[in-house]
């Protein structure tokens, strides 16, 4: 879904970058929190046209 490893997701939870909750033994990541984090990490696509040429 994200291309991120499980360990990276756990690091992001620990750092507070994404929100999660424990449900029994499962760790549940809030979709809105994950989307918000991924949105902040977006980069602008590079233009294929070089200016001045």
Protein backbone atom coordinates (compact mmCIF):
# COMPACT_ATOMS: atom_id res chain seq x y z
CA UNK A 1 0.00 0.00 0.00
CA UNK A 2 2.69 2.54 0.96
CA UNK A 3 5.90 0.82 -0.05
CA UNK A 4 7.19 1.31 3.50
CA UNK A 5 8.50 -1.58 5.54
CA UNK A 6 6.83 -2.67 8.76
CA UNK A 7 9.84 -1.48 10.75
CA UNK A 8 9.68 1.97 9.13
CA UNK A 9 5.97 2.22 9.98
CA UNK A 10 6.80 1.37 13.62
CA UNK A 11 9.55 4.03 13.62
CA UNK A 12 7.05 6.61 12.33
CA UNK A 13 4.59 5.61 15.05
CA UNK A 14 7.29 5.89 17.74
CA UNK A 15 8.37 9.32 16.49
CA UNK A 16 4.77 10.57 16.46
CA UNK A 17 4.70 11.14 12.71
CA UNK A 18 1.69 8.84 12.31
CA UNK A 19 -1.00 7.85 14.80
CA UNK A 20 -1.81 4.30 15.75
CA UNK A 21 -3.70 2.37 18.40
CA UNK A 22 -3.32 -1.07 19.91
CA UNK A 23 -6.34 -3.35 19.48
CA UNK A 24 -5.50 -6.50 21.36
CA UNK A 25 -2.11 -7.55 19.99
CA UNK A 26 -2.60 -5.71 16.69
CA UNK A 27 -1.29 -2.22 15.95
CA UNK A 28 -3.83 -0.29 13.91
CA UNK A 29 -2.68 2.76 11.93
CA UNK A 30 -5.25 5.50 11.37
CA UNK A 31 -5.75 5.93 7.62
CA UNK A 32 -6.21 9.71 7.88
CA UNK A 33 -2.95 10.02 9.80
CA UNK A 34 -1.06 7.92 7.25
CA UNK A 35 -2.52 9.89 4.33
CA UNK A 36 -1.61 13.19 5.99
CA UNK A 37 1.95 12.01 6.57
CA UNK A 38 2.34 10.77 2.99
CA UNK A 39 0.93 14.05 1.66
CA UNK A 40 3.63 15.99 3.53
CA UNK A 41 6.29 13.76 1.97
CA UNK A 42 5.20 14.32 -1.64
CA UNK A 43 7.71 15.81 -4.03
CA UNK A 44 6.95 17.83 -7.10
CA UNK A 45 7.51 15.99 -10.39
CA UNK A 46 10.50 17.17 -12.35
CA UNK A 47 9.83 18.89 -15.63
CA UNK A 48 11.12 17.02 -18.66
CA UNK A 49 11.72 20.32 -20.48
CA UNK A 50 14.97 22.09 -19.67
CA UNK A 51 14.49 25.88 -19.46
CA UNK A 52 16.46 27.87 -21.99
CA UNK A 53 16.78 25.13 -24.58
